[in-house]
Amino acid sequence: MFQIDLVEKCKANNRKAQLKLYKQYCDGMYCVAMRFVKNEDDAEDVLQESFVKAFQKIDQFKGEVTFGAWLKRIVVNKSIDFLKTKQEKLVALDEGVMHVVEDEDWTIENRVTINEIRRAIDSLSEKYKYVVLMYLLEGFDHNEISEVLCITPTACRTRLLRGKGYLKEILKEKGYGTGS
C-alpha cells in the first residue's frame, strides 16, 4: 500500500491504516524524541502525544512534504514543549546588533564517533543545543528551526554559529581537533 493511500485512509479515520502508519514511523520518531528528552519514558509520552496530534490534525497534511517529515516536525515541537514544561527554558537573544557569519567548516578527525559528538552536543546550553541538534542531526533548515523555536532566522544562524564554536571547543578539549 502506498504511503499516500495510507494517509488518505487515516483521514477517513481508518484505524488499521493509523496502526500501519504508527508501526512504520514509531521507531524513527522515538529516536527523534530521545535525542531531545533523553529519557525513555518521556520519549514514549512525547511519541504518543505526537501521534495523537498527527491523527487529529491529519486533514492539515497536504502532501507538500513527506508524511515522515511532517510527523517529525510534530515530534520535535512536542519534545520542545515537553522540555519547556520541565522548566528548561530557551533564552532570547538580542539580535538587533548581531552580525551573522556563515562558517561551513565542520571538519573533525575521523576517530571521533557519533556518540562522542552527541555527548558534546548534549553538553551545550539549551539555546544552542536545540539549534545544533535540529540542524545537524534532524536536517532542518534555518527557516524551519526559526519557526519551531519562535526565533528569527538571523537568531537561528547566530545560535548555530555559536553552538558550532562551542562544540568545536568541547571536541578540542577532548583532543579530537576540528580542522580549523
Protein backbone atom coordinates (compact mmCIF):
# COMPACT_ATOMS: atom_id res chain seq x y z
CA MET A 1 0.00 0.00 0.00
CA PHE A 2 1.38 3.39 -0.97
CA GLN A 3 2.01 5.94 1.76
CA ILE A 4 -0.44 8.44 0.25
CA ASP A 5 -3.15 5.75 0.29
CA LEU A 6 -2.44 5.12 3.96
CA VAL A 7 -2.67 8.82 4.74
CA GLU A 8 -5.95 9.11 2.86
CA LYS A 9 -7.36 6.16 4.80
CA CYS A 10 -6.18 7.79 8.03
CA LYS A 11 -8.02 10.96 7.01
CA ALA A 12 -11.13 8.76 6.78
CA ASN A 13 -10.40 7.61 10.38
CA ASN A 14 -9.43 4.08 9.34
CA ARG A 15 -7.87 2.54 12.48
CA LYS A 16 -5.97 -0.17 10.59
CA ALA A 17 -4.31 2.46 8.40
CA GLN A 18 -3.46 4.51 11.50
CA LEU A 19 -1.88 1.47 13.12
CA LYS A 20 0.10 0.73 9.97
CA LEU A 21 1.43 4.33 9.81
CA TYR A 22 2.21 4.19 13.52
CA LYS A 23 4.19 0.97 13.12
CA GLN A 24 6.01 2.40 10.10
CA TYR A 25 7.17 5.55 11.90
CA CYS A 26 7.19 4.81 15.65
CA ASP A 27 10.81 3.62 15.92
CA GLY A 28 12.27 6.51 13.95
CA MET A 29 10.18 9.13 15.72
CA TYR A 30 11.06 7.59 19.09
CA CYS A 31 14.74 8.17 18.25
CA VAL A 32 13.98 11.79 17.38
CA ALA A 33 12.18 12.29 20.70
CA MET A 34 15.01 10.58 22.62
CA ARG A 35 17.59 12.96 21.14
CA PHE A 36 15.67 15.79 22.77
CA VAL A 37 14.21 14.48 26.04
CA LYS A 38 16.94 11.93 26.95
CA ASN A 39 14.58 9.68 28.90
CA GLU A 40 12.84 6.57 27.58
CA ASP A 41 9.55 7.10 29.42
CA ASP A 42 9.40 10.77 28.46
CA ALA A 43 10.23 9.93 24.84
CA GLU A 44 7.40 7.38 24.78
CA ASP A 45 4.99 10.00 26.17
CA VAL A 46 6.13 12.55 23.60
CA LEU A 47 5.79 9.94 20.86
CA GLN A 48 2.23 9.03 21.86
CA GLU A 49 1.18 12.68 22.14
CA SER A 50 2.74 13.34 18.74
CA PHE A 51 0.84 10.55 17.04
CA VAL A 52 -2.42 11.60 18.70
CA LYS A 53 -1.90 15.15 17.45
CA ALA A 54 -0.87 13.91 13.99
CA PHE A 55 -4.01 11.82 13.62
CA GLN A 56 -6.17 14.65 14.97
CA LYS A 57 -4.62 17.13 12.52
CA ILE A 58 -4.08 14.76 9.59
CA ASP A 59 -6.52 16.76 7.46
CA GLN A 60 -3.92 19.55 7.56
CA PHE A 61 -1.38 17.26 5.86
CA LYS A 62 -1.35 18.43 2.24
CA GLY A 63 1.46 16.26 0.87
CA GLU A 64 3.81 19.20 0.28
CA VAL A 65 6.44 17.25 2.23
CA THR A 66 6.62 13.56 3.05
CA PHE A 67 4.44 12.31 5.87
CA GLY A 68 7.60 11.42 7.79
CA ALA A 69 8.91 14.99 7.57
CA TRP A 70 5.52 16.36 8.64
CA LEU A 71 5.36 13.93 11.58
CA LYS A 72 8.99 14.65 12.56
CA ARG A 73 8.14 18.32 12.91
CA ILE A 74 5.29 17.44 15.25
CA VAL A 75 7.61 15.21 17.33
CA VAL A 76 10.26 17.94 17.56
CA ASN A 77 7.65 20.51 18.60
CA LYS A 78 6.17 18.15 21.20
CA SER A 79 9.66 17.36 22.53
CA ILE A 80 10.49 21.03 22.92
CA ASP A 81 7.09 21.71 24.52
CA PHE A 82 7.77 18.88 26.96
CA LEU A 83 11.17 20.31 27.87
CA LYS A 84 9.68 23.76 28.34
CA THR A 85 7.18 22.37 30.82
CA LYS A 86 10.12 20.93 32.77
CA GLN A 87 11.39 24.49 33.20
CA GLU A 88 14.19 24.11 30.67
CA LYS A 89 13.57 27.47 29.11
CA LEU A 90 15.12 28.94 25.99
CA VAL A 91 16.90 32.25 26.47
CA ALA A 92 16.13 35.02 23.99
CA LEU A 93 18.99 36.74 22.19
CA ASP A 94 19.17 40.42 21.40
CA GLU A 95 19.50 40.18 17.65
CA GLY A 96 19.48 43.88 16.91
CA VAL A 97 23.26 44.17 16.94
CA MET A 98 24.26 40.73 15.69
CA HIS A 99 26.17 40.09 12.52
CA VAL A 100 25.99 36.55 11.21
CA VAL A 101 29.00 34.98 9.51
CA GLU A 102 28.49 31.64 7.83
CA ASP A 103 31.11 29.04 8.63
CA GLU A 104 30.54 25.75 6.90
CA ASP A 105 33.74 24.01 8.07
CA TRP A 106 32.52 21.03 10.09
CA THR A 107 35.70 19.02 9.63
CA ILE A 108 36.71 16.80 12.53
CA GLU A 109 39.11 13.91 12.79
CA ASN A 110 37.86 10.51 11.64
CA ARG A 111 38.47 8.92 15.03
CA VAL A 112 35.68 10.87 16.75
CA THR A 113 32.47 8.84 16.97
CA ILE A 114 28.89 9.99 16.52
CA ASN A 115 28.24 9.16 20.19
CA GLU A 116 31.06 11.48 21.26
CA ILE A 117 29.61 14.23 19.07
CA ARG A 118 26.15 13.64 20.54
CA ARG A 119 27.54 13.85 24.09
CA ALA A 120 29.27 17.10 23.16
CA ILE A 121 26.02 18.48 21.71
CA ASP A 122 24.19 17.43 24.89
CA SER A 123 26.62 19.47 26.96
CA LEU A 124 25.72 22.69 25.11
CA SER A 125 23.30 25.11 26.75
CA GLU A 126 19.68 24.70 25.62
CA LYS A 127 19.62 27.72 23.33
CA TYR A 128 22.48 26.31 21.27
CA LYS A 129 21.77 22.60 21.72
CA TYR A 130 18.34 22.70 20.08
CA VAL A 131 19.54 24.59 17.02
CA VAL A 132 22.63 22.40 16.55
CA LEU A 133 20.60 19.23 17.11
CA MET A 134 17.86 20.24 14.68
CA TYR A 135 20.31 21.44 12.04
CA LEU A 136 22.92 18.69 12.16
CA LEU A 137 21.02 15.61 13.27
CA GLU A 138 17.46 16.31 12.16
CA GLY A 139 18.24 18.13 8.90
CA PHE A 140 16.06 21.18 9.47
CA ASP A 141 16.98 24.40 7.66
CA HIS A 142 17.22 27.82 9.34
CA ASN A 143 13.68 28.85 8.44
CA GLU A 144 12.19 25.62 9.81
CA ILE A 145 14.21 25.88 13.02
CA SER A 146 13.27 29.52 13.49
CA GLU A 147 9.57 28.63 13.13
CA VAL A 148 9.75 25.77 15.62
CA LEU A 149 11.74 27.72 18.22
CA CYS A 150 9.90 31.03 17.59
CA ILE A 151 13.12 32.92 16.82
CA THR A 152 14.18 34.81 13.73
CA PRO A 153 16.29 33.13 11.03
CA THR A 154 19.09 35.54 11.99
CA ALA A 155 18.98 34.35 15.60
CA CYS A 156 18.95 30.76 14.33
CA ARG A 157 22.09 31.31 12.25
CA THR A 158 23.77 33.08 15.15
CA ARG A 159 22.93 30.31 17.59
CA LEU A 160 24.14 27.69 15.12
CA LEU A 161 27.40 29.56 14.58
CA ARG A 162 27.99 29.99 18.31
CA GLY A 163 26.85 26.46 19.09
CA LYS A 164 29.23 25.13 16.47
CA GLY A 165 32.04 27.14 18.03
CA TYR A 166 31.28 25.77 21.48
CA LEU A 167 31.02 22.27 20.02
CA LYS A 168 34.44 22.64 18.40
CA GLU A 169 35.92 23.79 21.71
CA ILE A 170 34.41 20.81 23.54
CA LEU A 171 35.83 18.42 20.95
CA LYS A 172 39.24 20.16 21.02
CA GLU A 173 39.35 19.75 24.80
CA LYS A 174 38.83 16.04 24.28
CA GLY A 175 41.78 16.05 21.86
CA TYR A 176 39.95 15.47 18.59
CA GLY A 177 40.71 18.72 16.80
CA THR A 178 38.34 20.27 14.31
CA GLY A 179 40.46 21.18 11.35
CA SER A 180 40.23 24.91 11.95
